[in-house]
Amino acid sequence: MNIQEYFARISYNKSHKDADLQTLTDIFQHHIQAIPFENLSMHCGEPVKLDLQSTYNKIVRKNRGGWCLESNHLLFWALQELGYDTCILGGNSYEPAERAYTAEMNHILLKVVIKGDSYIVDAGFGGAYQSWQPLMLISGKDQPQVPGIFRFMEDNGTWFFEKVKRKHYIPEQSVPFTDTPELGNIRKIYTFTLEPRHIDDFQELNTYLQVSPDNILRKKSICSLQTTEGLYALVGWTFTEMKYNYMDDMDVVQITTLTDEEVEKTLKDKFNIVLENKLVP
């Protein structure tokens, strides 16, 4: 594994001699705009292995993306190589349908400490809840970014990560709507604690996600990528293009339903992904 090869994969060619916040932010943004959040392997009959070499080969050499366990693990390796003080944390994501956080840890995120300040760096959430910059680990402070306002709330050692929801404007519809009809304008994303984790703590989860029929990643083939203006998302045969803050506090969303042939072409054109095996959306 070679850090220069990783930099080439994310099209990063600036200086990285200082393990500072600016360099971290630059690398993070290149990572999320080059490496899609995707679970296509399990919809192509390919096993997802959690060892670093397998993840590296898949994302860096085969030009693929990955889900949180892969994308954040690769980023963890890269930041360590560059001399950052970083550790892996485990999160429990919020299930809007259940109106509850998952009982089991099912998300991986990174904590990075720079000059005594802690930041949460998470390149593996994808979609509209993907932050675009490292977030300062501080409770109750609004942290506005292009995708929206993020914040952490801490309660007795448990941290809650949330985002203020914005309205969506869909050109074919006359009335803007908010992305989820539940009460209030806060979208809960996940909880976590600051207990350091090891990638091996997620081996069981990695297996479970690939075999359990009732988790969302088995039910839907997902690929999303952050762009300079918003994001692309391909879920099943539905391709969505979102532009953030198209109008004041409103994102514009364009949704297209694709044919099987168009799915393959869209993966190549928009996500730079060419699969080795046949995808069953």
Protein backbone atom coordinates (compact mmCIF):
# COMPACT_ATOMS: atom_id res chain seq x y z
CA MET A 1 0.00 0.00 0.00
CA ASN A 2 1.31 3.37 -0.97
CA ILE A 3 0.09 6.82 0.10
CA GLN A 4 0.97 8.33 -3.31
CA GLU A 5 -1.25 5.75 -5.02
CA TYR A 6 -4.08 6.71 -2.64
CA PHE A 7 -3.49 10.40 -3.45
CA ALA A 8 -3.68 9.62 -7.17
CA ARG A 9 -6.98 7.78 -6.56
CA ILE A 10 -8.50 10.85 -4.88
CA SER A 11 -6.78 13.35 -7.25
CA TYR A 12 -4.95 15.03 -4.39
CA ASN A 13 -1.68 16.71 -5.33
CA LYS A 14 -1.10 19.43 -2.75
CA SER A 15 1.49 19.47 0.02
CA HIS A 16 0.86 17.20 2.98
CA LYS A 17 3.91 17.85 5.11
CA ASP A 18 1.84 19.38 7.92
CA ALA A 19 -0.68 17.20 9.73
CA ASP A 20 -2.90 20.24 10.25
CA LEU A 21 -6.62 20.97 9.91
CA GLN A 22 -6.35 22.54 6.45
CA THR A 23 -4.59 19.47 5.01
CA LEU A 24 -7.08 17.16 6.74
CA THR A 25 -10.00 19.13 5.25
CA ASP A 26 -8.48 19.05 1.75
CA ILE A 27 -7.79 15.31 1.84
CA PHE A 28 -11.24 14.60 3.28
CA GLN A 29 -12.98 16.58 0.53
CA HIS A 30 -10.98 14.86 -2.20
CA HIS A 31 -11.83 11.49 -0.62
CA ILE A 32 -15.61 12.03 -0.53
CA GLN A 33 -15.68 13.47 -4.07
CA ALA A 34 -13.68 10.55 -5.52
CA ILE A 35 -14.74 7.51 -3.50
CA PRO A 36 -18.46 6.68 -3.63
CA PHE A 37 -20.40 5.31 -0.70
CA GLU A 38 -21.58 2.04 -2.24
CA ASN A 39 -22.68 -1.49 -1.38
CA LEU A 40 -22.63 -2.84 -4.93
CA SER A 41 -20.37 -5.80 -4.07
CA MET A 42 -23.14 -7.68 -2.34
CA HIS A 43 -25.47 -7.05 -5.28
CA CYS A 44 -22.81 -8.47 -7.62
CA GLY A 45 -22.11 -11.60 -5.62
CA GLU A 46 -18.74 -10.38 -4.32
CA PRO A 47 -17.83 -10.83 -0.65
CA VAL A 48 -16.78 -7.71 1.28
CA LYS A 49 -13.65 -8.40 3.30
CA LEU A 50 -12.61 -6.06 6.11
CA ASP A 51 -8.85 -6.47 6.08
CA LEU A 52 -7.06 -3.30 5.03
CA GLN A 53 -5.26 -4.82 2.04
CA SER A 54 -8.55 -6.04 0.51
CA THR A 55 -10.17 -2.64 1.08
CA TYR A 56 -7.15 -0.87 -0.40
CA ASN A 57 -7.11 -3.09 -3.50
CA LYS A 58 -10.82 -2.61 -4.05
CA ILE A 59 -11.02 1.17 -3.59
CA VAL A 60 -7.59 2.35 -4.73
CA ARG A 61 -6.62 -0.18 -7.39
CA LYS A 62 -10.02 -1.21 -8.74
CA ASN A 63 -11.47 2.30 -8.57
CA ARG A 64 -14.42 1.23 -6.48
CA GLY A 65 -16.15 2.79 -3.50
CA GLY A 66 -17.25 1.11 -0.31
CA TRP A 67 -19.51 1.40 2.69
CA CYS A 68 -18.50 3.05 5.98
CA LEU A 69 -16.47 0.04 7.18
CA GLU A 70 -14.29 0.25 4.07
CA SER A 71 -14.14 3.95 3.24
CA ASN A 72 -13.40 5.14 6.78
CA HIS A 73 -10.93 2.29 7.36
CA LEU A 74 -8.98 3.37 4.28
CA LEU A 75 -9.09 7.00 5.40
CA PHE A 76 -7.90 5.93 8.87
CA TRP A 77 -4.89 4.23 7.30
CA ALA A 78 -4.10 7.30 5.15
CA LEU A 79 -4.34 9.73 8.07
CA GLN A 80 -2.11 7.52 10.19
CA GLU A 81 0.43 7.41 7.36
CA LEU A 82 0.44 11.21 7.33
CA GLY A 83 1.10 11.42 11.07
CA TYR A 84 -2.36 12.36 12.32
CA ASP A 85 -3.44 11.39 15.84
CA THR A 86 -6.53 9.41 14.87
CA CYS A 87 -8.65 6.56 16.21
CA ILE A 88 -11.69 4.56 15.10
CA LEU A 89 -15.02 5.02 16.91
CA GLY A 90 -18.24 2.99 16.64
CA GLY A 91 -21.69 4.46 16.04
CA ASN A 92 -25.34 3.38 16.17
CA SER A 93 -27.34 4.83 13.30
CA TYR A 94 -30.85 6.24 13.59
CA GLU A 95 -33.64 4.30 11.86
CA PRO A 96 -36.38 6.80 10.94
CA ALA A 97 -38.94 4.02 10.38
CA GLU A 98 -38.35 2.70 13.91
CA ARG A 99 -37.84 6.17 15.38
CA ALA A 100 -34.93 4.70 17.31
CA TYR A 101 -31.19 4.14 17.18
CA THR A 102 -29.99 0.63 16.39
CA ALA A 103 -29.26 -1.52 19.43
CA GLU A 104 -26.02 -2.80 17.88
CA MET A 105 -23.07 -0.73 16.73
CA ASN A 106 -23.37 -0.49 12.93
CA HIS A 107 -21.27 2.49 11.86
CA ILE A 108 -17.60 3.38 11.93
CA LEU A 109 -16.25 6.94 12.19
CA LEU A 110 -12.92 8.57 13.01
CA LYS A 111 -11.76 10.97 15.67
CA VAL A 112 -8.75 13.13 14.84
CA VAL A 113 -6.96 15.27 17.43
CA ILE A 114 -5.11 18.37 16.17
CA LYS A 115 -3.37 20.71 18.63
CA GLY A 116 -5.54 19.44 21.47
CA ASP A 117 -8.85 19.87 19.59
CA SER A 118 -10.90 16.81 18.64
CA TYR A 119 -12.64 16.51 15.28
CA ILE A 120 -15.03 13.89 13.93
CA VAL A 121 -14.12 12.78 10.41
CA ASP A 122 -16.63 10.52 8.70
CA ALA A 123 -16.34 9.79 4.98
CA GLY A 124 -18.72 6.86 5.14
CA PHE A 125 -22.26 8.07 5.59
CA GLY A 126 -23.04 9.03 2.01
CA GLY A 127 -26.11 10.74 0.61
CA ALA A 128 -27.43 13.99 2.02
CA TYR A 129 -26.11 13.31 5.55
CA GLN A 130 -22.47 13.28 4.49
CA SER A 131 -20.54 16.15 6.05
CA TRP A 132 -18.09 17.95 3.78
CA GLN A 133 -15.56 19.03 6.39
CA PRO A 134 -14.23 17.66 9.66
CA LEU A 135 -16.58 18.60 12.51
CA MET A 136 -15.30 19.95 15.79
CA LEU A 137 -16.31 17.64 18.63
CA ILE A 138 -18.23 20.14 20.71
CA SER A 139 -21.71 19.79 22.18
CA GLY A 140 -24.58 22.04 21.21
CA LYS A 141 -22.76 24.16 18.62
CA ASP A 142 -24.25 24.62 15.13
CA GLN A 143 -21.63 23.86 12.47
CA PRO A 144 -22.88 25.14 9.09
CA GLN A 145 -21.47 23.51 5.95
CA VAL A 146 -22.61 23.46 2.31
CA PRO A 147 -24.85 20.35 2.85
CA GLY A 148 -26.55 22.01 5.85
CA ILE A 149 -26.12 22.66 9.55
CA PHE A 150 -24.66 19.78 11.56
CA ARG A 151 -24.38 19.53 15.33
CA PHE A 152 -23.38 17.21 18.14
CA MET A 153 -25.22 16.91 21.46
CA GLU A 154 -23.54 15.11 24.33
CA ASP A 155 -25.37 13.41 27.16
CA ASN A 156 -23.51 11.54 29.87
CA GLY A 157 -20.72 10.33 27.56
CA THR A 158 -22.99 9.50 24.62
CA TRP A 159 -22.76 11.81 21.63
CA PHE A 160 -25.67 12.44 19.25
CA PHE A 161 -25.01 13.58 15.69
CA GLU A 162 -27.78 15.42 13.84
CA LYS A 163 -28.48 17.71 10.91
CA VAL A 164 -30.99 20.51 10.41
CA LYS A 165 -33.25 19.49 7.52
CA ARG A 166 -33.70 21.64 4.46
CA LYS A 167 -36.56 21.80 2.01
CA HIS A 168 -36.25 20.01 -1.32
CA TYR A 169 -37.40 21.53 -4.59
CA ILE A 170 -38.28 18.97 -7.26
CA PRO A 171 -38.87 20.73 -10.60
CA GLU A 172 -41.70 18.34 -11.59
CA GLN A 173 -43.59 19.10 -8.37
CA SER A 174 -45.10 22.45 -7.57
CA VAL A 175 -44.81 22.21 -3.79
CA PRO A 176 -41.43 21.94 -2.01
CA PHE A 177 -41.30 19.21 0.62
CA THR A 178 -39.04 18.41 3.53
CA ASP A 179 -37.12 15.16 3.18
CA THR A 180 -38.89 13.34 6.02
CA PRO A 181 -42.36 14.13 7.29
CA GLU A 182 -41.57 13.43 10.94
CA LEU A 183 -42.03 16.25 13.41
CA GLY A 184 -39.48 19.01 13.70
CA ASN A 185 -36.66 20.02 11.40
CA ILE A 186 -33.89 17.91 12.95
CA ARG A 187 -32.73 14.68 11.30
CA LYS A 188 -31.02 12.39 13.79
CA ILE A 189 -28.10 10.57 12.16
CA TYR A 190 -26.28 8.43 14.75
CA THR A 191 -24.96 8.18 18.30
CA PHE A 192 -21.45 7.22 19.36
CA THR A 193 -19.11 7.17 22.34
CA LEU A 194 -15.42 8.08 22.46
CA GLU A 195 -14.29 4.53 23.27
CA PRO A 196 -11.54 3.69 20.73
CA ARG A 197 -12.35 0.71 18.52
CA HIS A 198 -10.40 -1.64 16.29
CA ILE A 199 -11.50 -2.73 12.82
CA ASP A 200 -11.83 -6.30 14.17
CA ASP A 201 -14.68 -5.06 16.40
CA PHE A 202 -16.71 -4.75 13.19
CA GLN A 203 -16.01 -8.17 11.65
CA GLU A 204 -19.27 -9.63 12.91
CA LEU A 205 -21.21 -6.61 11.65
CA ASN A 206 -19.53 -6.91 8.25
CA THR A 207 -20.69 -10.52 7.96
CA TYR A 208 -24.16 -9.76 9.30
CA LEU A 209 -24.78 -6.91 6.83
CA GLN A 210 -23.99 -9.22 3.93
CA VAL A 211 -26.29 -12.06 4.98
CA SER A 212 -29.17 -10.49 6.91
CA PRO A 213 -32.12 -10.07 4.53
CA ASP A 214 -33.84 -7.30 6.52
CA ASN A 215 -31.11 -4.65 6.58
CA ILE A 216 -31.38 -1.75 4.12
CA LEU A 217 -28.03 -2.57 2.47
CA ARG A 218 -29.29 -6.03 1.46
CA LYS A 219 -32.62 -4.66 0.27
CA LYS A 220 -31.25 -1.86 -1.90
CA SER A 221 -28.23 -1.40 -4.13
CA ILE A 222 -26.83 2.01 -3.23
CA CYS A 223 -24.15 4.23 -4.72
CA SER A 224 -23.75 7.88 -3.77
CA LEU A 225 -21.00 10.40 -4.41
CA GLN A 226 -20.51 13.97 -3.25
CA THR A 227 -19.97 16.48 -6.07
CA THR A 228 -18.71 20.06 -5.95
CA GLU A 229 -22.32 21.29 -5.81
CA GLY A 230 -24.24 18.50 -4.10
CA LEU A 231 -24.44 14.79 -4.74
CA TYR A 232 -25.31 11.95 -7.08
CA ALA A 233 -27.17 8.92 -5.76
CA LEU A 234 -28.17 5.71 -7.48
CA VAL A 235 -30.54 3.55 -5.43
CA GLY A 236 -31.82 0.54 -7.36
CA TRP A 237 -32.85 2.02 -10.72
CA THR A 238 -33.45 5.52 -9.36
CA PHE A 239 -30.83 8.17 -10.09
CA THR A 240 -31.00 11.38 -8.07
CA GLU A 241 -28.98 14.51 -8.58
CA MET A 242 -29.07 17.06 -5.77
CA LYS A 243 -27.72 20.60 -5.78
CA TYR A 244 -27.35 22.11 -2.34
CA ASN A 245 -28.79 25.50 -1.48
CA TYR A 246 -30.09 26.05 -4.97
CA MET A 247 -32.39 28.66 -3.46
CA ASP A 248 -32.34 30.03 0.05
CA ASP A 249 -32.43 27.06 2.44
CA MET A 250 -33.65 24.76 -0.33
CA ASP A 251 -31.95 22.00 -2.33
CA VAL A 252 -32.98 21.16 -5.88
CA VAL A 253 -33.53 17.46 -6.55
CA GLN A 254 -33.84 15.79 -9.96
CA ILE A 255 -34.95 12.17 -10.04
CA THR A 256 -34.70 9.82 -13.04
CA THR A 257 -35.69 6.16 -13.35
CA LEU A 258 -33.13 4.18 -15.35
CA THR A 259 -33.19 1.02 -17.44
CA ASP A 260 -30.71 -1.80 -16.71
CA GLU A 261 -28.42 -0.56 -19.51
CA GLU A 262 -28.55 3.00 -18.18
CA VAL A 263 -27.62 1.79 -14.67
CA GLU A 264 -24.30 0.46 -15.98
CA LYS A 265 -23.65 3.62 -18.02
CA THR A 266 -24.54 5.90 -15.10
CA LEU A 267 -22.17 4.02 -12.79
CA LYS A 268 -19.39 4.63 -15.30
CA ASP A 269 -20.22 8.23 -16.23
CA LYS A 270 -21.21 9.65 -12.85
CA PHE A 271 -19.38 7.45 -10.35
CA ASN A 272 -16.40 6.27 -12.42
CA ILE A 273 -17.23 2.66 -11.50
CA VAL A 274 -16.92 -0.31 -13.84
CA LEU A 275 -18.02 -3.53 -12.14
CA GLU A 276 -16.35 -6.87 -12.79
CA ASN A 277 -19.54 -8.84 -12.15
CA LYS A 278 -23.14 -8.27 -13.14
CA LEU A 279 -25.07 -5.94 -10.85
CA VAL A 280 -28.58 -6.97 -9.90
CA PRO A 281 -30.14 -3.64 -8.80
